[in-house]
Amino acid sequence: MTPLGVYIHWPYCARICPYCDFNVVRDRGRRDEQAELGRAILDDLRAHAALTGPRRLVSIFFGGGTPSLMDPALAAQMVETARALWTADDDLEVSLEANPTDAETVRFAAFADAGVNRLSLGLQSLDDAALKMLGRNHDAAAGRRAAAAARAAFPRLSIDLIYARPGQTAAAWREELTRAIDMGAEHVSPYQLTIEPGTAFDRAVGRRTLVPPGPDLAADLYDTAQIVLEEAGFHAYEVSNHARGEAARARHNLVYWRGWDYVGVGPGAHGRLTRAGTRRATVAASRPLDYVAAVREHGTGVVGDEALTPREAAEERLLMGLRIDEGVPFAELAALDLSPRSPRVAELRTLGLLEPDLVRLRASRAGRLLLDRVTAELCA
């Protein structure tokens, strides 16, 4: 059976971070709404199973929002339902995103009992001033406590960090990474701070009260992360993801990067499903109550279901696949007229931005720094 991932979007957050442009809402005063949403997600999973047919379930990912705010019993029900609907791998990965607040940390054991076996912990920083600037509701000490609790509760731990923060230096970033490594996680995801349109940070940049680092310093910070993590035994298998060993890689993210199918349920969730030989992009209603109403009326929360053209599907495969070290087989890029002998490929190889591989299109280390430019040239 072909592999399948399941993404479950839980949109509620205790507070909205100023850099976030995800589909999120404040958690406060929405208990009845959350109960309705939980039931709707379960119904939507069943509706999707009818569309996909038999599949090999390789991963379940609870994202958000802050899914560690949900009732662990509801998470258990969702995991159990997905397992019943599809044929789960023996080593099925079940991931949960969590914040390091003490209120959430005490629930880690309950989520482990619910079937979660991988925690993605949003540390973001180990500097209290930076955490305050980022609008986080925890400090560095709470982050360290959460990492220790996660290691005790879950077989696998991944931590997220944000770099290219205003005023950050390469020396301070090196020291912060070293302290993060000492927490014992087997997977580290350092993400460059991006100023997304419409966010509070975007408005602050417009007022010139927030000044992010320039591109040269951001590149230095990126290189620093590569060096520090590589020296500590982490392999950069993706642009922003480093793992100690192949087993530590985030399987659900690999579903995206390898172009596999995945179901997207929950408000605003996106999915990719292949039906009758055609790759289709789905999107669910974004507001929680609209999503609940759509499931009640139509059986599923999907409000958009678009067939991708062969070229669109190949472009998406290229954009996602070049992010990982294994790249993309040329055979999957025929719609873009890309082959080992394509002039565009040859030129980028000459510039040192692509690896000299005759079977797969792979970005070099230098190419990863300029990945947007590389993919734009290849899609031209």
Protein backbone atom coordinates (compact mmCIF):
# COMPACT_ATOMS: atom_id res chain seq x y z
CA MET A 1 0.00 0.00 0.00
CA THR A 2 1.16 3.52 -0.71
CA PRO A 3 2.23 5.57 2.34
CA LEU A 4 0.02 8.20 3.95
CA GLY A 5 0.52 10.86 6.60
CA VAL A 6 -2.21 12.50 8.68
CA TYR A 7 -2.00 16.13 9.78
CA ILE A 8 -4.39 17.30 12.51
CA HIS A 9 -4.62 21.06 13.06
CA TRP A 10 -5.55 22.27 16.55
CA PRO A 11 -5.78 26.07 16.18
CA TYR A 12 -5.94 27.20 19.81
CA CYS A 13 -3.11 29.13 21.51
CA ALA A 14 -2.78 30.66 24.95
CA ARG A 15 -1.38 33.75 23.22
CA ILE A 16 -0.61 34.72 19.62
CA CYS A 17 3.11 35.16 18.97
CA PRO A 18 3.99 38.39 17.09
CA TYR A 19 5.85 36.52 14.33
CA CYS A 20 3.11 33.92 13.70
CA ASP A 21 0.97 33.89 10.56
CA PHE A 22 -0.54 30.44 11.11
CA ASN A 23 -4.27 29.82 11.37
CA VAL A 24 -4.62 30.27 15.14
CA VAL A 25 -7.13 31.67 17.65
CA ARG A 26 -7.01 32.49 21.35
CA ASP A 27 -7.76 29.51 23.57
CA ARG A 28 -9.69 31.34 26.27
CA GLY A 29 -13.45 30.73 26.67
CA ARG A 30 -13.79 28.19 23.85
CA ARG A 31 -14.34 24.93 25.71
CA ASP A 32 -17.69 24.07 24.06
CA GLU A 33 -16.30 25.02 20.64
CA GLN A 34 -13.29 22.76 21.20
CA ALA A 35 -15.51 19.80 22.09
CA GLU A 36 -17.46 20.34 18.85
CA LEU A 37 -14.24 20.67 16.88
CA GLY A 38 -12.89 17.41 18.30
CA ARG A 39 -15.98 15.52 17.14
CA ALA A 40 -15.80 17.17 13.72
CA ILE A 41 -12.15 16.17 13.24
CA LEU A 42 -12.99 12.55 14.04
CA ASP A 43 -15.82 12.59 11.48
CA ASP A 44 -13.53 14.24 8.92
CA LEU A 45 -10.92 11.51 9.38
CA ARG A 46 -13.58 8.90 8.59
CA ALA A 47 -14.66 10.83 5.48
CA HIS A 48 -11.07 11.04 4.24
CA ALA A 49 -10.57 7.31 4.72
CA ALA A 50 -13.42 6.73 2.27
CA LEU A 51 -11.58 8.92 -0.27
CA THR A 52 -8.11 7.45 0.12
CA GLY A 53 -8.98 3.80 0.34
CA PRO A 54 -6.49 1.39 1.95
CA ARG A 55 -3.20 3.09 2.78
CA ARG A 56 -0.13 2.46 4.90
CA LEU A 57 -0.23 5.00 7.73
CA VAL A 58 3.32 6.20 8.44
CA SER A 59 2.76 9.29 10.58
CA ILE A 60 0.25 11.36 12.53
CA PHE A 61 1.15 14.95 13.34
CA PHE A 62 -0.70 17.19 15.78
CA GLY A 63 0.13 20.76 14.77
CA GLY A 64 -1.28 24.17 15.39
CA GLY A 65 -1.76 26.34 17.19
CA THR A 66 -0.78 24.58 20.36
CA PRO A 67 -2.06 21.00 20.32
CA SER A 68 -0.51 20.34 23.74
CA LEU A 69 -3.44 22.42 25.06
CA MET A 70 -5.96 19.81 23.88
CA ASP A 71 -7.38 17.11 26.11
CA PRO A 72 -4.99 14.12 25.95
CA ALA A 73 -8.04 11.82 25.93
CA LEU A 74 -9.19 13.48 22.70
CA ALA A 75 -5.73 13.04 21.19
CA ALA A 76 -5.89 9.35 22.14
CA GLN A 77 -9.25 9.03 20.39
CA MET A 78 -7.87 10.63 17.23
CA VAL A 79 -4.84 8.33 17.20
CA GLU A 80 -7.01 5.28 17.77
CA THR A 81 -9.41 6.34 15.01
CA ALA A 82 -6.62 6.90 12.47
CA ARG A 83 -5.11 3.52 13.33
CA ALA A 84 -8.48 1.86 12.76
CA LEU A 85 -9.06 3.62 9.43
CA TRP A 86 -5.68 2.87 7.84
CA THR A 87 -3.03 0.16 8.24
CA ALA A 88 -0.53 1.62 10.68
CA ASP A 89 3.18 0.89 10.42
CA ASP A 90 4.58 -1.03 13.35
CA ASP A 91 6.76 1.99 14.10
CA LEU A 92 4.07 4.60 13.39
CA GLU A 93 5.33 8.07 14.30
CA VAL A 94 2.86 10.18 16.31
CA SER A 95 4.15 13.71 16.83
CA LEU A 96 2.80 16.55 18.96
CA GLU A 97 3.86 20.20 18.98
CA ALA A 98 4.16 21.66 22.49
CA ASN A 99 5.19 24.83 24.26
CA PRO A 100 7.46 24.65 27.33
CA THR A 101 5.04 26.16 29.85
CA ASP A 102 4.76 24.33 33.17
CA ALA A 103 0.99 23.91 32.65
CA GLU A 104 1.59 21.89 29.49
CA THR A 105 4.64 20.00 30.75
CA VAL A 106 2.65 18.23 33.48
CA ARG A 107 0.48 16.67 30.73
CA PHE A 108 3.33 15.07 28.80
CA ALA A 109 2.85 11.66 30.44
CA ALA A 110 -0.84 11.69 29.49
CA PHE A 111 0.01 12.44 25.86
CA ALA A 112 2.53 9.60 25.86
CA ASP A 113 -0.22 7.29 27.13
CA ALA A 114 -2.40 8.61 24.28
CA GLY A 115 0.10 7.24 21.76
CA VAL A 116 2.34 10.25 21.12
CA ASN A 117 5.92 9.06 20.71
CA ARG A 118 7.63 12.18 19.40
CA LEU A 119 7.46 15.67 20.92
CA SER A 120 8.34 18.81 18.98
CA LEU A 121 9.16 21.38 21.67
CA GLY A 122 8.97 25.06 20.74
CA LEU A 123 11.84 26.38 22.85
CA GLN A 124 12.59 29.12 20.27
CA SER A 125 15.38 30.55 22.46
CA LEU A 126 17.32 30.01 25.66
CA ASP A 127 17.76 33.75 26.24
CA ASP A 128 15.12 35.38 28.46
CA ALA A 129 15.32 38.76 26.72
CA ALA A 130 14.90 37.11 23.32
CA LEU A 131 11.94 35.06 24.57
CA LYS A 132 10.26 38.23 25.79
CA MET A 133 10.89 39.92 22.44
CA LEU A 134 9.42 36.88 20.65
CA GLY A 135 6.25 37.14 22.75
CA ARG A 136 6.71 33.74 24.36
CA ASN A 137 4.99 32.89 27.65
CA HIS A 138 7.89 30.90 29.10
CA ASP A 139 11.45 31.65 30.18
CA ALA A 140 14.67 29.72 29.62
CA ALA A 141 14.36 27.85 32.93
CA ALA A 142 10.89 26.60 31.96
CA GLY A 143 12.35 25.49 28.63
CA ARG A 144 15.00 23.42 30.36
CA ARG A 145 12.41 21.82 32.67
CA ALA A 146 10.18 21.02 29.70
CA ALA A 147 13.02 19.37 27.77
CA ALA A 148 13.86 17.19 30.79
CA ALA A 149 10.22 16.20 31.21
CA ALA A 150 9.91 15.43 27.49
CA ARG A 151 12.98 13.18 27.53
CA ALA A 152 11.45 11.24 30.40
CA ALA A 153 8.02 10.88 28.73
CA PHE A 154 8.72 10.35 25.01
CA PRO A 155 11.07 8.11 23.01
CA ARG A 156 11.96 11.00 20.69
CA LEU A 157 12.43 14.73 21.29
CA SER A 158 12.88 17.53 18.78
CA ILE A 159 13.49 21.16 19.75
CA ASP A 160 12.81 24.27 17.68
CA LEU A 161 14.92 27.41 17.85
CA ILE A 162 14.60 30.80 16.12
CA TYR A 163 17.69 32.65 14.93
CA ALA A 164 18.38 35.90 13.02
CA ARG A 165 16.78 37.79 15.88
CA PRO A 166 17.41 41.53 16.27
CA GLY A 167 20.78 42.11 17.92
CA GLN A 168 21.84 38.46 17.77
CA THR A 169 25.54 37.72 17.18
CA ALA A 170 27.19 34.59 15.81
CA ALA A 171 29.09 34.08 19.09
CA ALA A 172 25.90 34.27 21.18
CA TRP A 173 24.12 31.94 18.75
CA ARG A 174 26.95 29.40 19.00
CA GLU A 175 26.73 29.44 22.79
CA GLU A 176 22.92 29.11 22.70
CA LEU A 177 23.09 26.15 20.32
CA THR A 178 25.64 24.44 22.56
CA ARG A 179 23.33 24.77 25.57
CA ALA A 180 20.40 23.46 23.52
CA ILE A 181 22.42 20.41 22.40
CA ASP A 182 23.24 19.67 26.03
CA MET A 183 19.50 19.19 26.68
CA GLY A 184 19.71 15.79 25.02
CA ALA A 185 17.36 16.18 22.04
CA GLU A 186 18.17 13.98 19.04
CA HIS A 187 16.63 16.44 16.57
CA VAL A 188 17.15 20.21 16.34
CA SER A 189 15.28 22.57 14.00
CA PRO A 190 16.79 26.08 13.80
CA TYR A 191 14.46 28.36 11.84
CA GLN A 192 15.40 31.81 10.58
CA LEU A 193 13.06 34.52 11.84
CA THR A 194 10.86 35.51 8.91
CA ILE A 195 8.82 38.69 8.92
CA GLU A 196 5.48 37.52 7.57
CA PRO A 197 3.04 40.07 6.10
CA GLY A 198 0.23 41.08 8.42
CA THR A 199 1.93 39.95 11.65
CA ALA A 200 2.73 42.16 14.62
CA PHE A 201 6.42 41.95 13.70
CA ASP A 202 5.61 43.12 10.18
CA ARG A 203 3.96 46.23 11.62
CA ALA A 204 6.91 46.77 13.98
CA VAL A 205 9.35 46.61 11.06
CA GLY A 206 7.18 49.16 9.25
CA ARG A 207 7.42 51.48 12.28
CA ARG A 208 11.18 50.76 12.46
CA THR A 209 10.85 49.60 16.06
CA LEU A 210 12.12 46.16 15.00
CA VAL A 211 15.21 45.77 12.84
CA PRO A 212 16.06 42.19 11.81
CA PRO A 213 19.66 41.29 10.87
CA GLY A 214 20.72 41.87 7.29
CA PRO A 215 21.20 38.99 4.82
CA ASP A 216 24.97 38.71 5.40
CA LEU A 217 24.61 38.28 9.17
CA ALA A 218 21.66 35.92 8.67
CA ALA A 219 23.90 33.78 6.40
CA ASP A 220 26.65 33.81 9.04
CA LEU A 221 24.14 32.65 11.66
CA TYR A 222 22.97 29.88 9.31
CA ASP A 223 26.56 28.73 8.78
CA THR A 224 27.18 28.82 12.53
CA ALA A 225 24.23 26.46 13.09
CA GLN A 226 25.52 24.05 10.45
CA ILE A 227 29.01 23.94 11.97
CA VAL A 228 27.96 23.65 15.63
CA LEU A 229 25.36 20.96 14.99
CA GLU A 230 27.59 19.00 12.63
CA GLU A 231 30.39 18.99 15.21
CA ALA A 232 27.90 17.60 17.74
CA GLY A 233 26.94 14.68 15.46
CA PHE A 234 23.81 16.14 13.86
CA HIS A 235 23.30 15.69 10.12
CA ALA A 236 21.55 18.46 8.18
CA TYR A 237 19.16 16.25 6.25
CA GLU A 238 16.99 19.29 5.43
CA VAL A 239 17.61 23.03 5.22
CA SER A 240 16.34 23.68 8.76
CA ASN A 241 16.36 20.20 10.30
CA HIS A 242 19.25 18.30 11.89
CA ALA A 243 19.09 14.76 13.25
CA ARG A 244 21.40 12.41 15.11
CA GLY A 245 20.94 9.32 12.97
CA GLU A 246 18.35 8.42 10.36
CA ALA A 247 15.83 7.13 12.92
CA ALA A 248 15.72 10.57 14.53
CA ARG A 249 14.52 12.29 11.35
CA ALA A 250 11.02 13.76 11.44
CA ARG A 251 9.04 11.20 9.47
CA HIS A 252 5.97 13.38 9.03
CA ASN A 253 7.98 16.22 7.51
CA LEU A 254 9.60 13.70 5.18
CA VAL A 255 6.10 12.86 3.96
CA TYR A 256 5.87 16.47 2.71
CA TRP A 257 9.40 16.68 1.34
CA ARG A 258 9.17 13.35 -0.48
CA GLY A 259 5.87 14.23 -2.13
CA TRP A 260 3.84 11.52 -0.43
CA ASP A 261 0.11 11.85 0.20
CA TYR A 262 -1.21 13.30 3.42
CA VAL A 263 -4.65 13.97 4.85
CA GLY A 264 -5.22 17.41 6.37
CA VAL A 265 -8.01 17.75 8.95
CA GLY A 266 -8.86 20.58 11.32
CA PRO A 267 -9.48 24.28 10.61
CA GLY A 268 -7.41 25.57 7.71
CA ALA A 269 -5.54 22.28 7.26
CA HIS A 270 -4.04 21.54 3.86
CA GLY A 271 -3.77 18.09 2.32
CA ARG A 272 -2.33 16.39 -0.75
CA LEU A 273 -4.06 13.30 -2.09
CA THR A 274 -3.60 11.33 -5.29
CA ARG A 275 -6.88 10.11 -6.73
CA ALA A 276 -7.34 8.48 -10.16
CA GLY A 277 -3.72 9.32 -10.94
CA THR A 278 -4.13 13.04 -10.27
CA ARG A 279 -2.45 14.97 -7.46
CA ARG A 280 -5.04 17.07 -5.63
CA ALA A 281 -4.60 19.94 -3.16
CA THR A 282 -7.22 20.19 -0.43
CA VAL A 283 -7.87 22.91 2.14
CA ALA A 284 -10.33 22.94 5.03
CA ALA A 285 -12.52 25.80 6.25
CA SER A 286 -10.28 28.07 8.33
CA ARG A 287 -12.52 29.23 11.18
CA PRO A 288 -13.28 26.52 13.78
CA LEU A 289 -17.07 26.94 13.71
CA ASP A 290 -17.10 27.13 9.90
CA TYR A 291 -15.11 23.91 9.84
CA VAL A 292 -17.55 22.24 12.24
CA ALA A 293 -20.48 23.41 10.10
CA ALA A 294 -18.84 22.11 6.91
CA VAL A 295 -18.29 18.67 8.44
CA ARG A 296 -21.87 18.61 9.71
CA GLU A 297 -23.28 19.56 6.30
CA HIS A 298 -20.93 17.76 3.90
CA GLY A 299 -19.25 15.09 6.00
CA THR A 300 -15.84 16.74 5.58
CA GLY A 301 -14.31 20.11 6.41
CA VAL A 302 -12.71 20.43 2.98
CA VAL A 303 -13.88 23.57 1.16
CA GLY A 304 -11.27 23.56 -1.59
CA ASP A 305 -10.22 20.57 -3.70
CA GLU A 306 -8.07 21.45 -6.71
CA ALA A 307 -6.54 19.13 -9.28
CA LEU A 308 -2.92 20.09 -9.88
CA THR A 309 -1.62 20.07 -13.44
CA PRO A 310 1.42 17.85 -14.08
CA ARG A 311 3.58 20.98 -14.16
CA GLU A 312 2.15 22.32 -10.89
CA ALA A 313 2.67 18.96 -9.21
CA ALA A 314 6.26 18.79 -10.49
CA GLU A 315 7.00 22.35 -9.34
CA GLU A 316 5.72 21.52 -5.87
CA ARG A 317 7.77 18.34 -5.83
CA LEU A 318 10.86 20.35 -6.77
CA LEU A 319 10.26 23.08 -4.17
CA MET A 320 9.79 20.57 -1.37
CA GLY A 321 12.26 17.91 -2.47
CA LEU A 322 15.26 20.20 -2.94
CA ARG A 323 15.04 21.07 0.75
CA ILE A 324 16.30 17.61 1.75
CA ASP A 325 19.71 16.12 1.13
CA GLU A 326 18.33 13.22 -0.94
CA GLY A 327 16.79 15.63 -3.46
CA VAL A 328 14.30 14.59 -6.15
CA PRO A 329 14.60 11.85 -8.79
CA PHE A 330 14.80 13.39 -12.26
CA ALA A 331 12.08 10.96 -13.32
CA GLU A 332 9.59 12.90 -11.15
CA LEU A 333 10.44 16.21 -12.83
CA ALA A 334 9.67 15.36 -16.45
CA ALA A 335 6.90 17.97 -16.61
CA LEU A 336 9.53 20.66 -15.98
CA ASP A 337 11.78 19.33 -18.76
CA LEU A 338 14.59 18.79 -16.26
CA SER A 339 17.20 16.08 -16.78
CA PRO A 340 20.92 15.62 -16.02
CA ARG A 341 21.64 17.23 -19.40
CA SER A 342 19.29 20.23 -19.12
CA PRO A 343 21.11 23.55 -19.69
CA ARG A 344 19.57 24.98 -16.51
CA VAL A 345 20.84 22.04 -14.47
CA ALA A 346 24.30 22.17 -16.08
CA GLU A 347 24.67 25.90 -15.38
CA LEU A 348 23.70 25.57 -11.72
CA ARG A 349 26.13 22.66 -11.35
CA THR A 350 28.90 24.78 -12.84
CA LEU A 351 28.12 27.44 -10.22
CA GLY A 352 28.42 24.80 -7.49
CA LEU A 353 24.76 25.06 -6.48
CA LEU A 354 23.75 21.51 -7.49
CA GLU A 355 25.45 18.20 -6.84
CA PRO A 356 26.85 16.20 -9.82
CA ASP A 357 24.23 13.45 -9.52
CA LEU A 358 22.86 11.83 -12.70
CA VAL A 359 19.87 10.19 -10.99
CA ARG A 360 18.58 12.79 -8.53
CA LEU A 361 18.47 16.58 -8.53
CA ARG A 362 20.18 17.64 -5.29
CA ALA A 363 21.17 21.04 -3.95
CA SER A 364 24.72 21.47 -2.72
CA ARG A 365 25.53 23.08 0.62
CA ALA A 366 26.06 26.38 -1.17
CA GLY A 367 22.83 25.85 -3.09
CA ARG A 368 20.85 25.52 0.13
CA LEU A 369 21.86 29.07 1.06
CA LEU A 370 20.35 30.28 -2.23
CA LEU A 371 17.53 27.76 -2.51
CA ASP A 372 14.84 30.26 -3.49
CA ARG A 373 17.00 31.46 -6.38
CA VAL A 374 17.94 27.91 -7.41
CA THR A 375 14.33 26.71 -7.52
CA ALA A 376 13.24 29.84 -9.40
CA GLU A 377 15.89 29.17 -12.07
CA LEU A 378 14.87 25.52 -12.37
CA CYS A 379 11.17 26.37 -12.68
CA ALA A 380 11.74 29.17 -15.21
